[in-house]
Amino acid sequence: LVNLSMLSSPQIEKWKELSVSSVQVSLYSLDPIIHDKITGVKGSCIRTIANIHRLKENNIDVSLSVSVMDENKRSITYFTYY
């Protein structure tokens, strides 16, 4: 499990060198307000989603881990569209 909101280009390069084929990441909601409230870090949702795209562009698969809780249970249906 990785904190993708903090992912850097050198980390991606290192993972490619190590032949990392898959990364698991928590994404609490596609709604930035909900996700950021849960993480307590403003902007973490947008950075996480952007880094998911960066990993996919580098042929590293991403599995999403979604913890359902009171704060995000109404937004979970959005994941079916992602």
PDB file of N, CA and C in Angstrom:
ATOM      1  N   LEU A   1       0.853  -1.171   0.000  1.00  0.00           N
ATOM      2  CA  LEU A   1       0.000   0.000   0.000  1.00  0.00           C
ATOM      3  C   LEU A   1       0.893   1.226   0.000  1.00  0.00           C
ATOM      4  N   VAL A   2       0.596   2.190  -0.845  1.00  0.00           N
ATOM      5  CA  VAL A   2       1.474   3.337  -1.056  1.00  0.00           C
ATOM      6  C   VAL A   2       0.680   4.632  -0.917  1.00  0.00           C
ATOM      7  N   ASN A   3       1.331   5.669  -0.372  1.00  0.00           N
ATOM      8  CA  ASN A   3       0.727   7.001  -0.333  1.00  0.00           C
ATOM      9  C   ASN A   3       1.044   7.686  -1.661  1.00  0.00           C
ATOM     10  N   LEU A   4       0.136   7.578  -2.600  1.00  0.00           N
ATOM     11  CA  LEU A   4       0.401   8.117  -3.934  1.00  0.00           C
ATOM     12  C   LEU A   4       0.366   9.626  -3.992  1.00  0.00           C
ATOM     13  N   SER A   5      -0.174  10.274  -2.979  1.00  0.00           N
ATOM     14  CA  SER A   5      -0.179  11.735  -3.033  1.00  0.00           C
ATOM     15  C   SER A   5       1.230  12.292  -2.879  1.00  0.00           C
ATOM     16  N   MET A   6       2.172  11.444  -2.442  1.00  0.00           N
ATOM     17  CA  MET A   6       3.552  11.883  -2.219  1.00  0.00           C
ATOM     18  C   MET A   6       4.522  11.281  -3.246  1.00  0.00           C
ATOM     19  N   LEU A   7       4.025  10.651  -4.280  1.00  0.00           N
ATOM     20  CA  LEU A   7       4.865   9.952  -5.251  1.00  0.00           C
ATOM     21  C   LEU A   7       5.714  10.923  -6.071  1.00  0.00           C
ATOM     22  N   SER A   8       6.971  10.549  -6.269  1.00  0.00           N
ATOM     23  CA  SER A   8       7.881  11.388  -7.058  1.00  0.00           C
ATOM     24  C   SER A   8       8.335  10.641  -8.311  1.00  0.00           C
ATOM     25  N   SER A   9       8.827  11.388  -9.276  1.00  0.00           N
ATOM     26  CA  SER A   9       9.352  10.778 -10.504  1.00  0.00           C
ATOM     27  C   SER A   9      10.506   9.819 -10.223  1.00  0.00           C
ATOM     28  N   PRO A  10      11.453  10.165  -9.319  1.00  0.00           N
ATOM     29  CA  PRO A  10      12.518   9.201  -9.026  1.00  0.00           C
ATOM     30  C   PRO A  10      11.993   7.877  -8.445  1.00  0.00           C
ATOM     31  N   GLN A  11      10.908   7.944  -7.673  1.00  0.00           N
ATOM     32  CA  GLN A  11      10.329   6.706  -7.151  1.00  0.00           C
ATOM     33  C   GLN A  11       9.778   5.849  -8.286  1.00  0.00           C
ATOM     34  N   ILE A  12       9.100   6.476  -9.227  1.00  0.00           N
ATOM     35  CA  ILE A  12       8.568   5.730 -10.365  1.00  0.00           C
ATOM     36  C   ILE A  12       9.707   5.064 -11.130  1.00  0.00           C
ATOM     37  N   GLU A  13      10.760   5.799 -11.375  1.00  0.00           N
ATOM     38  CA  GLU A  13      11.914   5.238 -12.089  1.00  0.00           C
ATOM     39  C   GLU A  13      12.521   4.058 -11.328  1.00  0.00           C
ATOM     40  N   LYS A  14      12.621   4.187 -10.019  1.00  0.00           N
ATOM     41  CA  LYS A  14      13.178   3.101  -9.196  1.00  0.00           C
ATOM     42  C   LYS A  14      12.278   1.871  -9.268  1.00  0.00           C
ATOM     43  N   TRP A  15      10.973   2.082  -9.195  1.00  0.00           N
ATOM     44  CA  TRP A  15      10.042   0.967  -9.280  1.00  0.00           C
ATOM     45  C   TRP A  15      10.148   0.272 -10.632  1.00  0.00           C
ATOM     46  N   LYS A  16      10.335   1.058 -11.699  1.00  0.00           N
ATOM     47  CA  LYS A  16      10.507   0.446 -13.011  1.00  0.00           C
ATOM     48  C   LYS A  16      11.784  -0.388 -13.058  1.00  0.00           C
ATOM     49  N   GLU A  17      12.882   0.128 -12.473  1.00  0.00           N
ATOM     50  CA  GLU A  17      14.139  -0.629 -12.395  1.00  0.00           C
ATOM     51  C   GLU A  17      13.953  -1.940 -11.635  1.00  0.00           C
ATOM     52  N   LEU A  18      13.116  -1.895 -10.597  1.00  0.00           N
ATOM     53  CA  LEU A  18      12.873  -3.079  -9.774  1.00  0.00           C
ATOM     54  C   LEU A  18      11.789  -3.982 -10.353  1.00  0.00           C
ATOM     55  N   SER A  19      11.274  -3.624 -11.506  1.00  0.00           N
ATOM     56  CA  SER A  19      10.223  -4.380 -12.198  1.00  0.00           C
ATOM     57  C   SER A  19       8.943  -4.494 -11.374  1.00  0.00           C
ATOM     58  N   VAL A  20       8.621  -3.429 -10.638  1.00  0.00           N
ATOM     59  CA  VAL A  20       7.350  -3.399  -9.916  1.00  0.00           C
ATOM     60  C   VAL A  20       6.239  -3.389 -10.955  1.00  0.00           C
ATOM     61  N   SER A  21       5.324  -4.326 -10.841  1.00  0.00           N
ATOM     62  CA  SER A  21       4.274  -4.432 -11.850  1.00  0.00           C
ATOM     63  C   SER A  21       2.926  -3.927 -11.347  1.00  0.00           C
ATOM     64  N   SER A  22       2.794  -3.757 -10.027  1.00  0.00           N
ATOM     65  CA  SER A  22       1.508  -3.383  -9.469  1.00  0.00           C
ATOM     66  C   SER A  22       1.690  -2.657  -8.145  1.00  0.00           C
ATOM     67  N   VAL A  23       0.810  -1.679  -7.908  1.00  0.00           N
ATOM     68  CA  VAL A  23       0.821  -0.904  -6.671  1.00  0.00           C
ATOM     69  C   VAL A  23      -0.609  -0.833  -6.159  1.00  0.00           C
ATOM     70  N   GLN A  24      -0.788  -0.958  -4.851  1.00  0.00           N
ATOM     71  CA  GLN A  24      -2.106  -0.809  -4.241  1.00  0.00           C
ATOM     72  C   GLN A  24      -2.164   0.534  -3.534  1.00  0.00           C
ATOM     73  N   VAL A  25      -3.269   1.246  -3.709  1.00  0.00           N
ATOM     74  CA  VAL A  25      -3.405   2.585  -3.140  1.00  0.00           C
ATOM     75  C   VAL A  25      -4.810   2.775  -2.577  1.00  0.00           C
ATOM     76  N   SER A  26      -4.883   3.517  -1.477  1.00  0.00           N
ATOM     77  CA  SER A  26      -6.184   3.876  -0.913  1.00  0.00           C
ATOM     78  C   SER A  26      -6.702   5.125  -1.595  1.00  0.00           C
ATOM     79  N   LEU A  27      -7.936   5.056  -2.001  1.00  0.00           N
ATOM     80  CA  LEU A  27      -8.629   6.225  -2.541  1.00  0.00           C
ATOM     81  C   LEU A  27      -9.994   6.227  -1.868  1.00  0.00           C
ATOM     82  N   TYR A  28     -10.239   7.190  -1.032  1.00  0.00           N
ATOM     83  CA  TYR A  28     -11.433   7.191  -0.190  1.00  0.00           C
ATOM     84  C   TYR A  28     -12.662   7.727  -0.886  1.00  0.00           C
ATOM     85  N   SER A  29     -12.471   8.535  -1.907  1.00  0.00           N
ATOM     86  CA  SER A  29     -13.584   9.077  -2.673  1.00  0.00           C
ATOM     87  C   SER A  29     -13.025   9.781  -3.901  1.00  0.00           C
ATOM     88  N   LEU A  30     -13.808   9.826  -4.956  1.00  0.00           N
ATOM     89  CA  LEU A  30     -13.430  10.630  -6.113  1.00  0.00           C
ATOM     90  C   LEU A  30     -13.804  12.087  -5.902  1.00  0.00           C
ATOM     91  N   ASP A  31     -14.541  12.355  -4.856  1.00  0.00           N
ATOM     92  CA  ASP A  31     -14.882  13.723  -4.479  1.00  0.00           C
ATOM     93  C   ASP A  31     -13.737  14.263  -3.626  1.00  0.00           C
ATOM     94  N   PRO A  32     -12.987  15.235  -4.131  1.00  0.00           N
ATOM     95  CA  PRO A  32     -11.833  15.744  -3.392  1.00  0.00           C
ATOM     96  C   PRO A  32     -12.149  16.247  -1.987  1.00  0.00           C
ATOM     97  N   ILE A  33     -13.328  16.799  -1.792  1.00  0.00           N
ATOM     98  CA  ILE A  33     -13.679  17.299  -0.460  1.00  0.00           C
ATOM     99  C   ILE A  33     -13.767  16.145   0.533  1.00  0.00           C
ATOM    100  N   ILE A  34     -14.407  15.065   0.134  1.00  0.00           N
ATOM    101  CA  ILE A  34     -14.554  13.905   1.016  1.00  0.00           C
ATOM    102  C   ILE A  34     -13.207  13.230   1.244  1.00  0.00           C
ATOM    103  N   HIS A  35     -12.484  12.949   0.161  1.00  0.00           N
ATOM    104  CA  HIS A  35     -11.186  12.278   0.283  1.00  0.00           C
ATOM    105  C   HIS A  35     -10.235  13.087   1.169  1.00  0.00           C
ATOM    106  N   ASP A  36     -10.131  14.378   0.914  1.00  0.00           N
ATOM    107  CA  ASP A  36      -9.200  15.220   1.668  1.00  0.00           C
ATOM    108  C   ASP A  36      -9.609  15.356   3.128  1.00  0.00           C
ATOM    109  N   LYS A  37     -10.908  15.338   3.395  1.00  0.00           N
ATOM    110  CA  LYS A  37     -11.374  15.381   4.788  1.00  0.00           C
ATOM    111  C   LYS A  37     -10.925  14.130   5.533  1.00  0.00           C
ATOM    112  N   ILE A  38     -11.010  12.983   4.874  1.00  0.00           N
ATOM    113  CA  ILE A  38     -10.610  11.720   5.502  1.00  0.00           C
ATOM    114  C   ILE A  38      -9.102  11.678   5.729  1.00  0.00           C
ATOM    115  N   THR A  39      -8.334  12.100   4.743  1.00  0.00           N
ATOM    116  CA  THR A  39      -6.873  12.050   4.885  1.00  0.00           C
ATOM    117  C   THR A  39      -6.336  13.181   5.747  1.00  0.00           C
ATOM    118  N   GLY A  40      -7.103  14.263   5.821  1.00  0.00           N
ATOM    119  CA  GLY A  40      -6.634  15.428   6.563  1.00  0.00           C
ATOM    120  C   GLY A  40      -5.575  16.220   5.815  1.00  0.00           C
ATOM    121  N   VAL A  41      -5.456  15.952   4.501  1.00  0.00           N
ATOM    122  CA  VAL A  41      -4.434  16.613   3.684  1.00  0.00           C
ATOM    123  C   VAL A  41      -5.100  17.251   2.468  1.00  0.00           C
ATOM    124  N   LYS A  42      -5.144  18.573   2.450  1.00  0.00           N
ATOM    125  CA  LYS A  42      -5.759  19.280   1.334  1.00  0.00           C
ATOM    126  C   LYS A  42      -4.985  18.999   0.045  1.00  0.00           C
ATOM    127  N   GLY A  43      -5.718  18.648  -0.991  1.00  0.00           N
ATOM    128  CA  GLY A  43      -5.107  18.372  -2.292  1.00  0.00           C
ATOM    129  C   GLY A  43      -4.681  16.928  -2.502  1.00  0.00           C
ATOM    130  N   SER A  44      -4.848  16.084  -1.480  1.00  0.00           N
ATOM    131  CA  SER A  44      -4.365  14.699  -1.611  1.00  0.00           C
ATOM    132  C   SER A  44      -5.143  13.895  -2.645  1.00  0.00           C
ATOM    133  N   CYS A  45      -6.425  14.179  -2.806  1.00  0.00           N
ATOM    134  CA  CYS A  45      -7.219  13.441  -3.789  1.00  0.00           C
ATOM    135  C   CYS A  45      -6.719  13.720  -5.204  1.00  0.00           C
ATOM    136  N   ILE A  46      -6.571  14.987  -5.534  1.00  0.00           N
ATOM    137  CA  ILE A  46      -6.132  15.365  -6.877  1.00  0.00           C
ATOM    138  C   ILE A  46      -4.738  14.804  -7.166  1.00  0.00           C
ATOM    139  N   ARG A  47      -3.829  14.900  -6.198  1.00  0.00           N
ATOM    140  CA  ARG A  47      -2.465  14.369  -6.394  1.00  0.00           C
ATOM    141  C   ARG A  47      -2.488  12.847  -6.538  1.00  0.00           C
ATOM    142  N   THR A  48      -3.312  12.179  -5.738  1.00  0.00           N
ATOM    143  CA  THR A  48      -3.395  10.723  -5.823  1.00  0.00           C
ATOM    144  C   THR A  48      -3.898  10.290  -7.193  1.00  0.00           C
ATOM    145  N   ILE A  49      -4.956  10.901  -7.665  1.00  0.00           N
ATOM    146  CA  ILE A  49      -5.506  10.542  -8.979  1.00  0.00           C
ATOM    147  C   ILE A  49      -4.502  10.848 -10.093  1.00  0.00           C
ATOM    148  N   ALA A  50      -3.831  11.982 -10.011  1.00  0.00           N
ATOM    149  CA  ALA A  50      -2.818  12.324 -11.019  1.00  0.00           C
ATOM    150  C   ALA A  50      -1.697  11.294 -11.025  1.00  0.00           C
ATOM    151  N   ASN A  51      -1.296  10.837  -9.845  1.00  0.00           N
ATOM    152  CA  ASN A  51      -0.213   9.859  -9.776  1.00  0.00           C
ATOM    153  C   ASN A  51      -0.657   8.467 -10.201  1.00  0.00           C
ATOM    154  N   ILE A  52      -1.926   8.151 -10.044  1.00  0.00           N
ATOM    155  CA  ILE A  52      -2.451   6.896 -10.597  1.00  0.00           C
ATOM    156  C   ILE A  52      -2.260   6.924 -12.117  1.00  0.00           C
ATOM    157  N   HIS A  53      -2.588   8.044 -12.729  1.00  0.00           N
ATOM    158  CA  HIS A  53      -2.415   8.178 -14.182  1.00  0.00           C
ATOM    159  C   HIS A  53      -0.933   8.082 -14.571  1.00  0.00           C
ATOM    160  N   ARG A  54      -0.059   8.687 -13.787  1.00  0.00           N
ATOM    161  CA  ARG A  54       1.382   8.628 -14.068  1.00  0.00           C
ATOM    162  C   ARG A  54       1.887   7.186 -14.017  1.00  0.00           C
ATOM    163  N   LEU A  55       1.425   6.433 -13.027  1.00  0.00           N
ATOM    164  CA  LEU A  55       1.846   5.033 -12.936  1.00  0.00           C
ATOM    165  C   LEU A  55       1.344   4.238 -14.131  1.00  0.00           C
ATOM    166  N   LYS A  56       0.083   4.436 -14.503  1.00  0.00           N
ATOM    167  CA  LYS A  56      -0.473   3.732 -15.651  1.00  0.00           C
ATOM    168  C   LYS A  56       0.304   4.066 -16.922  1.00  0.00           C
ATOM    169  N   GLU A  57       0.707   5.329 -17.071  1.00  0.00           N
ATOM    170  CA  GLU A  57       1.506   5.747 -18.230  1.00  0.00           C
ATOM    171  C   GLU A  57       2.862   5.053 -18.249  1.00  0.00           C
ATOM    172  N   ASN A  58       3.329   4.621 -17.081  1.00  0.00           N
ATOM    173  CA  ASN A  58       4.610   3.921 -16.966  1.00  0.00           C
ATOM    174  C   ASN A  58       4.427   2.408 -16.856  1.00  0.00           C
ATOM    175  N   ASN A  59       3.254   1.934 -17.271  1.00  0.00           N
ATOM    176  CA  ASN A  59       2.943   0.497 -17.304  1.00  0.00           C
ATOM    177  C   ASN A  59       3.022  -0.173 -15.935  1.00  0.00           C
ATOM    178  N   ILE A  60       2.642   0.550 -14.899  1.00  0.00           N
ATOM    179  CA  ILE A  60       2.542  -0.028 -13.562  1.00  0.00           C
ATOM    180  C   ILE A  60       1.061  -0.050 -13.211  1.00  0.00           C
ATOM    181  N   ASP A  61       0.525  -1.250 -13.008  1.00  0.00           N
ATOM    182  CA  ASP A  61      -0.891  -1.388 -12.680  1.00  0.00           C
ATOM    183  C   ASP A  61      -1.174  -0.854 -11.284  1.00  0.00           C
ATOM    184  N   VAL A  62      -2.384  -0.385 -11.098  1.00  0.00           N
ATOM    185  CA  VAL A  62      -2.800   0.183  -9.819  1.00  0.00           C
ATOM    186  C   VAL A  62      -4.079  -0.505  -9.361  1.00  0.00           C
ATOM    187  N   SER A  63      -4.060  -0.995  -8.123  1.00  0.00           N
ATOM    188  CA  SER A  63      -5.266  -1.534  -7.483  1.00  0.00           C
ATOM    189  C   SER A  63      -5.733  -0.523  -6.456  1.00  0.00           C
ATOM    190  N   LEU A  64      -7.028  -0.258  -6.473  1.00  0.00           N
ATOM    191  CA  LEU A  64      -7.582   0.683  -5.508  1.00  0.00           C
ATOM    192  C   LEU A  64      -8.105  -0.065  -4.290  1.00  0.00           C
ATOM    193  N   SER A  65      -7.765   0.448  -3.143  1.00  0.00           N
ATOM    194  CA  SER A  65      -8.279  -0.060  -1.884  1.00  0.00           C
ATOM    195  C   SER A  65      -9.237   0.991  -1.346  1.00  0.00           C
ATOM    196  N   VAL A  66     -10.488   0.608  -1.177  1.00  0.00           N
ATOM    197  CA  VAL A  66     -11.500   1.564  -0.741  1.00  0.00           C
ATOM    198  C   VAL A  66     -12.054   1.116   0.604  1.00  0.00           C
ATOM    199  N   SER A  67     -11.797   1.892   1.635  1.00  0.00           N
ATOM    200  CA  SER A  67     -12.360   1.629   2.957  1.00  0.00           C
ATOM    201  C   SER A  67     -13.668   2.398   3.067  1.00  0.00           C
ATOM    202  N   VAL A  68     -14.750   1.664   3.267  1.00  0.00           N
ATOM    203  CA  VAL A  68     -16.058   2.304   3.366  1.00  0.00           C
ATOM    204  C   VAL A  68     -16.283   2.741   4.810  1.00  0.00           C
ATOM    205  N   MET A  69     -16.639   4.004   4.971  1.00  0.00           N
ATOM    206  CA  MET A  69     -16.905   4.565   6.295  1.00  0.00           C
ATOM    207  C   MET A  69     -18.036   5.580   6.176  1.00  0.00           C
ATOM    208  N   ASP A  70     -18.518   6.047   7.302  1.00  0.00           N
ATOM    209  CA  ASP A  70     -19.636   6.998   7.267  1.00  0.00           C
ATOM    210  C   ASP A  70     -19.348   8.188   6.367  1.00  0.00           C
ATOM    211  N   GLU A  71     -18.118   8.694   6.396  1.00  0.00           N
ATOM    212  CA  GLU A  71     -17.768   9.894   5.647  1.00  0.00           C
ATOM    213  C   GLU A  71     -17.847   9.715   4.133  1.00  0.00           C
ATOM    214  N   ASN A  72     -17.628   8.490   3.640  1.00  0.00           N
ATOM    215  CA  ASN A  72     -17.570   8.305   2.185  1.00  0.00           C
ATOM    216  C   ASN A  72     -18.596   7.328   1.616  1.00  0.00           C
ATOM    217  N   LYS A  73     -19.423   6.748   2.454  1.00  0.00           N
ATOM    218  CA  LYS A  73     -20.303   5.680   1.969  1.00  0.00           C
ATOM    219  C   LYS A  73     -21.253   6.118   0.852  1.00  0.00           C
ATOM    220  N   ARG A  74     -21.614   7.380   0.832  1.00  0.00           N
ATOM    221  CA  ARG A  74     -22.514   7.859  -0.231  1.00  0.00           C
ATOM    222  C   ARG A  74     -21.770   8.127  -1.537  1.00  0.00           C
ATOM    223  N   SER A  75     -20.466   8.238  -1.489  1.00  0.00           N
ATOM    224  CA  SER A  75     -19.698   8.541  -2.705  1.00  0.00           C
ATOM    225  C   SER A  75     -19.065   7.303  -3.328  1.00  0.00           C
ATOM    226  N   ILE A  76     -19.209   6.165  -2.709  1.00  0.00           N
ATOM    227  CA  ILE A  76     -18.588   4.939  -3.225  1.00  0.00           C
ATOM    228  C   ILE A  76     -19.149   4.552  -4.582  1.00  0.00           C
ATOM    229  N   THR A  77     -20.394   4.832  -4.856  1.00  0.00           N
ATOM    230  CA  THR A  77     -20.985   4.455  -6.157  1.00  0.00           C
ATOM    231  C   THR A  77     -20.246   5.121  -7.308  1.00  0.00           C
ATOM    232  N   TYR A  78     -19.573   6.250  -7.054  1.00  0.00           N
ATOM    233  CA  TYR A  78     -18.803   6.917  -8.106  1.00  0.00           C
ATOM    234  C   TYR A  78     -17.692   6.043  -8.650  1.00  0.00           C
ATOM    235  N   PHE A  79     -17.165   5.125  -7.849  1.00  0.00           N
ATOM    236  CA  PHE A  79     -16.049   4.296  -8.285  1.00  0.00           C
ATOM    237  C   PHE A  79     -16.419   3.399  -9.455  1.00  0.00           C
ATOM    238  N   THR A  80     -17.685   3.101  -9.621  1.00  0.00           N
ATOM    239  CA  THR A  80     -18.076   2.261 -10.745  1.00  0.00           C
ATOM    240  C   THR A  80     -17.851   2.974 -12.075  1.00  0.00           C
ATOM    241  N   TYR A  81     -17.684   4.290 -12.039  1.00  0.00           N
ATOM    242  CA  TYR A  81     -17.475   5.063 -13.259  1.00  0.00           C
ATOM    243  C   TYR A  81     -16.013   5.405 -13.498  1.00  0.00           C
ATOM    244  N   TYR A  82     -15.126   5.057 -12.592  1.00  0.00           N
ATOM    245  CA  TYR A  82     -13.730   5.442 -12.700  1.00  0.00           C
ATOM    246  C   TYR A  82     -12.949   4.513 -13.583  1.00  0.00           C
TER     247      TYR A  82
END
